């Protein structure tokens, strides 16, 4: 059973698979702030599944906006989903630039979080193609990279048409703040 828990210290929310727990009360360490706290599993109610068709993820309330995460690392896509799951958005994911562009053209998301080092079509190419398509001019683009980027590299991302850039060494609250700003 997947439940949602919230850190009492930093208020970050996470998915938690309680079916693997062997005790009624478990101790959890928040990945965001490191605070350790206890969760009474008997108090958690089963929540509706978050997976929908076509790799889309959404909460129990119909989403007002769409958000696409394009990253070749499944772990990183899941990490971003966990950080942003409290938002009232419908999530889509893609593992490469080509798949990302197909989803962007079909779904026209409000925001795309994209890695710069992608297979098939890298992030720079994806940014340029989205900005060249007049039907996609409203799509906001947040570029990300886990590789150290020089100021010239970051400037190239902005010149290409990205709305913002963030290093993958971000803290959860930093990503949430940037995403909220871009979704306004």
C-alpha atoms as a PDB file:
ATOM      1  CA  UNK A   1       0.000   0.000   0.000  1.00  0.00           C
ATOM      2  CA  UNK A   2       1.443   3.373  -0.997  1.00  0.00           C
ATOM      3  CA  UNK A   3       0.759   6.210   1.398  1.00  0.00           C
ATOM      4  CA  UNK A   4       1.828   9.807   1.534  1.00  0.00           C
ATOM      5  CA  UNK A   5       3.721  11.036   4.547  1.00  0.00           C
ATOM      6  CA  UNK A   6       4.878  14.507   5.512  1.00  0.00           C
ATOM      7  CA  UNK A   7       7.990  15.486   7.428  1.00  0.00           C
ATOM      8  CA  UNK A   8       6.933  17.449  10.528  1.00  0.00           C
ATOM      9  CA  UNK A   9      10.165  19.476  10.375  1.00  0.00           C
ATOM     10  CA  UNK A  10      10.366  20.769   6.763  1.00  0.00           C
ATOM     11  CA  UNK A  11       6.820  19.845   5.600  1.00  0.00           C
ATOM     12  CA  UNK A  12       8.158  17.894   2.582  1.00  0.00           C
ATOM     13  CA  UNK A  13       5.818  15.172   1.357  1.00  0.00           C
ATOM     14  CA  UNK A  14       6.855  11.725   0.182  1.00  0.00           C
ATOM     15  CA  UNK A  15       5.348   8.472  -1.055  1.00  0.00           C
ATOM     16  CA  UNK A  16       5.920   5.581   1.310  1.00  0.00           C
ATOM     17  CA  UNK A  17       5.361   1.881   0.587  1.00  0.00           C
ATOM     18  CA  UNK A  18       4.003   0.664   3.911  1.00  0.00           C
ATOM     19  CA  UNK A  19       3.526  -2.915   2.665  1.00  0.00           C
ATOM     20  CA  UNK A  20       7.235  -3.594   3.256  1.00  0.00           C
ATOM     21  CA  UNK A  21       7.148  -2.465   6.891  1.00  0.00           C
ATOM     22  CA  UNK A  22       7.251  -5.153   9.559  1.00  0.00           C
ATOM     23  CA  UNK A  23       6.108  -2.956  12.472  1.00  0.00           C
ATOM     24  CA  UNK A  24       3.020  -0.836  13.112  1.00  0.00           C
ATOM     25  CA  UNK A  25       5.193   2.201  13.907  1.00  0.00           C
ATOM     26  CA  UNK A  26       8.224   2.930  11.724  1.00  0.00           C
ATOM     27  CA  UNK A  27      11.034   5.448  12.045  1.00  0.00           C
ATOM     28  CA  UNK A  28      11.695   7.499   8.898  1.00  0.00           C
ATOM     29  CA  UNK A  29      14.521   9.879   8.053  1.00  0.00           C
ATOM     30  CA  UNK A  30      13.430  12.736   5.793  1.00  0.00           C
ATOM     31  CA  UNK A  31      15.548  12.789   2.611  1.00  0.00           C
ATOM     32  CA  UNK A  32      15.020  16.555   2.392  1.00  0.00           C
ATOM     33  CA  UNK A  33      16.165  17.840   5.783  1.00  0.00           C
ATOM     34  CA  UNK A  34      17.449  14.689   7.515  1.00  0.00           C
ATOM     35  CA  UNK A  35      14.944  14.935  10.388  1.00  0.00           C
ATOM     36  CA  UNK A  36      14.012  11.526  11.859  1.00  0.00           C
ATOM     37  CA  UNK A  37      10.396  10.957  12.872  1.00  0.00           C
ATOM     38  CA  UNK A  38       7.958   8.127  13.577  1.00  0.00           C
ATOM     39  CA  UNK A  39       4.924   7.178  11.508  1.00  0.00           C
ATOM     40  CA  UNK A  40       2.027   5.118  12.862  1.00  0.00           C
ATOM     41  CA  UNK A  41       1.094   2.926   9.888  1.00  0.00           C
ATOM     42  CA  UNK A  42      -2.275   1.998  11.379  1.00  0.00           C
ATOM     43  CA  UNK A  43      -3.269   5.663  11.100  1.00  0.00           C
ATOM     44  CA  UNK A  44      -2.428   5.874   7.403  1.00  0.00           C
ATOM     45  CA  UNK A  45      -5.360   5.425   5.056  1.00  0.00           C
ATOM     46  CA  UNK A  46      -4.959   3.806   1.665  1.00  0.00           C
ATOM     47  CA  UNK A  47      -4.788   6.500  -0.971  1.00  0.00           C
ATOM     48  CA  UNK A  48      -5.854   6.292  -4.592  1.00  0.00           C
ATOM     49  CA  UNK A  49      -3.178   5.099  -6.985  1.00  0.00           C
ATOM     50  CA  UNK A  50      -1.140   7.844  -8.615  1.00  0.00           C
ATOM     51  CA  UNK A  51      -0.320   6.101 -11.888  1.00  0.00           C
ATOM     52  CA  UNK A  52      -2.534   6.697 -14.897  1.00  0.00           C
ATOM     53  CA  UNK A  53      -2.281   5.724 -18.551  1.00  0.00           C
ATOM     54  CA  UNK A  54       0.478   6.950 -20.840  1.00  0.00           C
ATOM     55  CA  UNK A  55       3.070   7.348 -18.073  1.00  0.00           C
ATOM     56  CA  UNK A  56       1.045  10.214 -16.644  1.00  0.00           C
ATOM     57  CA  UNK A  57       0.896  10.624 -12.907  1.00  0.00           C
ATOM     58  CA  UNK A  58      -1.657  12.663 -11.073  1.00  0.00           C
ATOM     59  CA  UNK A  59      -3.067  13.092  -7.620  1.00  0.00           C
ATOM     60  CA  UNK A  60      -6.660  12.359  -6.670  1.00  0.00           C
ATOM     61  CA  UNK A  61      -7.800  15.856  -7.715  1.00  0.00           C
ATOM     62  CA  UNK A  62      -7.999  16.606 -11.445  1.00  0.00           C
ATOM     63  CA  UNK A  63      -4.862  18.511 -12.406  1.00  0.00           C
ATOM     64  CA  UNK A  64      -5.089  22.062 -13.674  1.00  0.00           C
ATOM     65  CA  UNK A  65      -1.678  22.095 -15.407  1.00  0.00           C
ATOM     66  CA  UNK A  66       0.655  19.562 -16.984  1.00  0.00           C
ATOM     67  CA  UNK A  67       4.324  19.086 -16.131  1.00  0.00           C
ATOM     68  CA  UNK A  68       6.811  16.916 -18.046  1.00  0.00           C
ATOM     69  CA  UNK A  69      10.058  15.552 -16.627  1.00  0.00           C
ATOM     70  CA  UNK A  70      12.608  14.542 -19.290  1.00  0.00           C
ATOM     71  CA  UNK A  71      15.587  12.669 -17.861  1.00  0.00           C
ATOM     72  CA  UNK A  72      17.303   9.425 -18.859  1.00  0.00           C
ATOM     73  CA  UNK A  73      17.692   8.423 -15.199  1.00  0.00           C
ATOM     74  CA  UNK A  74      14.610   6.672 -13.833  1.00  0.00           C
ATOM     75  CA  UNK A  75      15.893   7.335 -10.303  1.00  0.00           C
ATOM     76  CA  UNK A  76      16.076  11.083 -10.950  1.00  0.00           C
ATOM     77  CA  UNK A  77      12.622  11.172 -12.554  1.00  0.00           C
ATOM     78  CA  UNK A  78      11.196   9.447  -9.461  1.00  0.00           C
ATOM     79  CA  UNK A  79      13.088  11.813  -7.153  1.00  0.00           C
ATOM     80  CA  UNK A  80      11.601  14.848  -8.909  1.00  0.00           C
ATOM     81  CA  UNK A  81       8.119  13.300  -8.793  1.00  0.00           C
ATOM     82  CA  UNK A  82       8.484  12.788  -5.047  1.00  0.00           C
ATOM     83  CA  UNK A  83       9.602  16.382  -4.493  1.00  0.00           C
ATOM     84  CA  UNK A  84       6.841  17.907  -6.644  1.00  0.00           C
ATOM     85  CA  UNK A  85       3.957  15.549  -5.867  1.00  0.00           C
ATOM     86  CA  UNK A  86       2.220  18.085  -3.609  1.00  0.00           C
ATOM     87  CA  UNK A  87       1.568  20.338  -6.621  1.00  0.00           C
ATOM     88  CA  UNK A  88      -1.802  20.276  -8.350  1.00  0.00           C
ATOM     89  CA  UNK A  89      -0.372  19.216 -11.723  1.00  0.00           C
ATOM     90  CA  UNK A  90      -0.573  16.197 -13.985  1.00  0.00           C
ATOM     91  CA  UNK A  91       2.871  14.627 -14.398  1.00  0.00           C
ATOM     92  CA  UNK A  92       4.336  13.036 -17.519  1.00  0.00           C
ATOM     93  CA  UNK A  93       7.798  11.537 -17.893  1.00  0.00           C
ATOM     94  CA  UNK A  94      10.147  10.817 -20.792  1.00  0.00           C
ATOM     95  CA  UNK A  95      13.529   9.064 -20.888  1.00  0.00           C
ATOM     96  CA  UNK A  96      15.033  10.818 -23.934  1.00  0.00           C
ATOM     97  CA  UNK A  97      14.745  13.971 -26.009  1.00  0.00           C
ATOM     98  CA  UNK A  98      12.742  12.424 -28.848  1.00  0.00           C
ATOM     99  CA  UNK A  99      10.120  10.992 -26.500  1.00  0.00           C
ATOM    100  CA  UNK A 100      10.065  14.297 -24.627  1.00  0.00           C
ATOM    101  CA  UNK A 101       9.374  16.283 -27.796  1.00  0.00           C
ATOM    102  CA  UNK A 102       6.537  13.914 -28.776  1.00  0.00           C
ATOM    103  CA  UNK A 103       4.896  14.364 -25.368  1.00  0.00           C
ATOM    104  CA  UNK A 104       5.407  18.151 -25.465  1.00  0.00           C
ATOM    105  CA  UNK A 105       3.709  18.380 -28.868  1.00  0.00           C
ATOM    106  CA  UNK A 106       0.836  16.115 -27.804  1.00  0.00           C
ATOM    107  CA  UNK A 107       0.193  17.362 -24.236  1.00  0.00           C
ATOM    108  CA  UNK A 108       1.451  20.973 -24.427  1.00  0.00           C
ATOM    109  CA  UNK A 109       2.557  21.026 -20.774  1.00  0.00           C
ATOM    110  CA  UNK A 110       2.816  24.256 -18.815  1.00  0.00           C
ATOM    111  CA  UNK A 111       6.355  23.321 -17.719  1.00  0.00           C
ATOM    112  CA  UNK A 112       9.092  20.933 -18.856  1.00  0.00           C
ATOM    113  CA  UNK A 113      11.990  19.992 -16.582  1.00  0.00           C
ATOM    114  CA  UNK A 114      14.725  18.640 -18.841  1.00  0.00           C
ATOM    115  CA  UNK A 115      18.187  17.262 -18.404  1.00  0.00           C
ATOM    116  CA  UNK A 116      20.778  18.673 -20.790  1.00  0.00           C
ATOM    117  CA  UNK A 117      22.526  15.310 -21.280  1.00  0.00           C
ATOM    118  CA  UNK A 118      19.815  13.238 -22.938  1.00  0.00           C
ATOM    119  CA  UNK A 119      20.069  10.364 -25.412  1.00  0.00           C
ATOM    120  CA  UNK A 120      18.723  10.724 -28.971  1.00  0.00           C
ATOM    121  CA  UNK A 121      18.119  14.494 -28.741  1.00  0.00           C
ATOM    122  CA  UNK A 122      20.068  16.388 -26.090  1.00  0.00           C
ATOM    123  CA  UNK A 123      18.554  19.119 -23.928  1.00  0.00           C
ATOM    124  CA  UNK A 124      20.001  21.966 -25.996  1.00  0.00           C
ATOM    125  CA  UNK A 125      18.405  20.552 -29.161  1.00  0.00           C
ATOM    126  CA  UNK A 126      15.120  19.963 -27.360  1.00  0.00           C
ATOM    127  CA  UNK A 127      15.041  23.571 -26.127  1.00  0.00           C
ATOM    128  CA  UNK A 128      15.736  24.914 -29.633  1.00  0.00           C
ATOM    129  CA  UNK A 129      13.029  22.730 -31.232  1.00  0.00           C
ATOM    130  CA  UNK A 130      10.403  23.701 -28.655  1.00  0.00           C
ATOM    131  CA  UNK A 131      11.212  27.403 -29.084  1.00  0.00           C
ATOM    132  CA  UNK A 132      11.085  27.092 -32.886  1.00  0.00           C
ATOM    133  CA  UNK A 133       7.511  25.718 -32.748  1.00  0.00           C
ATOM    134  CA  UNK A 134       4.995  28.572 -32.488  1.00  0.00           C
ATOM    135  CA  UNK A 135       2.345  26.228 -31.051  1.00  0.00           C
ATOM    136  CA  UNK A 136       4.621  25.608 -28.064  1.00  0.00           C
ATOM    137  CA  UNK A 137       5.537  29.206 -27.240  1.00  0.00           C
ATOM    138  CA  UNK A 138       3.659  29.070 -23.895  1.00  0.00           C
ATOM    139  CA  UNK A 139       5.661  26.032 -22.641  1.00  0.00           C
ATOM    140  CA  UNK A 140       8.103  27.012 -19.871  1.00  0.00           C
ATOM    141  CA  UNK A 141      11.466  25.202 -19.834  1.00  0.00           C
ATOM    142  CA  UNK A 142      13.605  24.469 -16.763  1.00  0.00           C
ATOM    143  CA  UNK A 143      16.961  22.989 -17.819  1.00  0.00           C
ATOM    144  CA  UNK A 144      18.915  20.805 -15.385  1.00  0.00           C
ATOM    145  CA  UNK A 145      22.378  19.308 -15.324  1.00  0.00           C
ATOM    146  CA  UNK A 146      24.321  17.099 -12.955  1.00  0.00           C
ATOM    147  CA  UNK A 147      27.575  18.034 -14.634  1.00  0.00           C
ATOM    148  CA  UNK A 148      29.333  21.195 -13.467  1.00  0.00           C
ATOM    149  CA  UNK A 149      28.480  23.930 -15.931  1.00  0.00           C
ATOM    150  CA  UNK A 150      30.551  27.009 -16.611  1.00  0.00           C
ATOM    151  CA  UNK A 151      28.791  30.354 -16.832  1.00  0.00           C
ATOM    152  CA  UNK A 152      29.192  30.221 -20.632  1.00  0.00           C
ATOM    153  CA  UNK A 153      27.327  26.884 -20.751  1.00  0.00           C
ATOM    154  CA  UNK A 154      24.502  28.245 -18.612  1.00  0.00           C
ATOM    155  CA  UNK A 155      24.326  31.368 -20.786  1.00  0.00           C
ATOM    156  CA  UNK A 156      23.956  29.119 -23.844  1.00  0.00           C
ATOM    157  CA  UNK A 157      20.956  27.421 -22.174  1.00  0.00           C
ATOM    158  CA  UNK A 158      19.273  30.808 -21.681  1.00  0.00           C
ATOM    159  CA  UNK A 159      20.183  31.993 -25.206  1.00  0.00           C
ATOM    160  CA  UNK A 160      18.652  28.796 -26.582  1.00  0.00           C
ATOM    161  CA  UNK A 161      15.333  29.698 -24.940  1.00  0.00           C
ATOM    162  CA  UNK A 162      15.232  28.046 -21.501  1.00  0.00           C
ATOM    163  CA  UNK A 163      13.331  29.999 -18.873  1.00  0.00           C
ATOM    164  CA  UNK A 164      15.574  28.839 -16.029  1.00  0.00           C
ATOM    165  CA  UNK A 165      18.466  26.542 -15.135  1.00  0.00           C
ATOM    166  CA  UNK A 166      19.150  24.524 -11.974  1.00  0.00           C
ATOM    167  CA  UNK A 167      21.998  22.225 -11.008  1.00  0.00           C
ATOM    168  CA  UNK A 168      20.939  18.693 -10.111  1.00  0.00           C
ATOM    169  CA  UNK A 169      22.596  19.145  -6.728  1.00  0.00           C
ATOM    170  CA  UNK A 170      19.580  21.248  -5.689  1.00  0.00           C
ATOM    171  CA  UNK A 171      17.815  20.966  -2.349  1.00  0.00           C
ATOM    172  CA  UNK A 172      14.160  19.864  -2.630  1.00  0.00           C
ATOM    173  CA  UNK A 173      12.848  23.244  -1.484  1.00  0.00           C
ATOM    174  CA  UNK A 174      14.960  25.004  -4.151  1.00  0.00           C
ATOM    175  CA  UNK A 175      13.429  22.914  -6.937  1.00  0.00           C
ATOM    176  CA  UNK A 176       9.924  23.383  -5.558  1.00  0.00           C
ATOM    177  CA  UNK A 177      10.435  27.164  -5.408  1.00  0.00           C
ATOM    178  CA  UNK A 178      11.699  27.335  -9.012  1.00  0.00           C
ATOM    179  CA  UNK A 179       8.863  25.156 -10.322  1.00  0.00           C
ATOM    180  CA  UNK A 180       6.201  27.162  -8.485  1.00  0.00           C
ATOM    181  CA  UNK A 181       7.625  30.383  -9.902  1.00  0.00           C
ATOM    182  CA  UNK A 182       7.571  29.015 -13.453  1.00  0.00           C
ATOM    183  CA  UNK A 183       4.013  27.692 -13.083  1.00  0.00           C
ATOM    184  CA  UNK A 184       2.620  31.073 -11.954  1.00  0.00           C
END
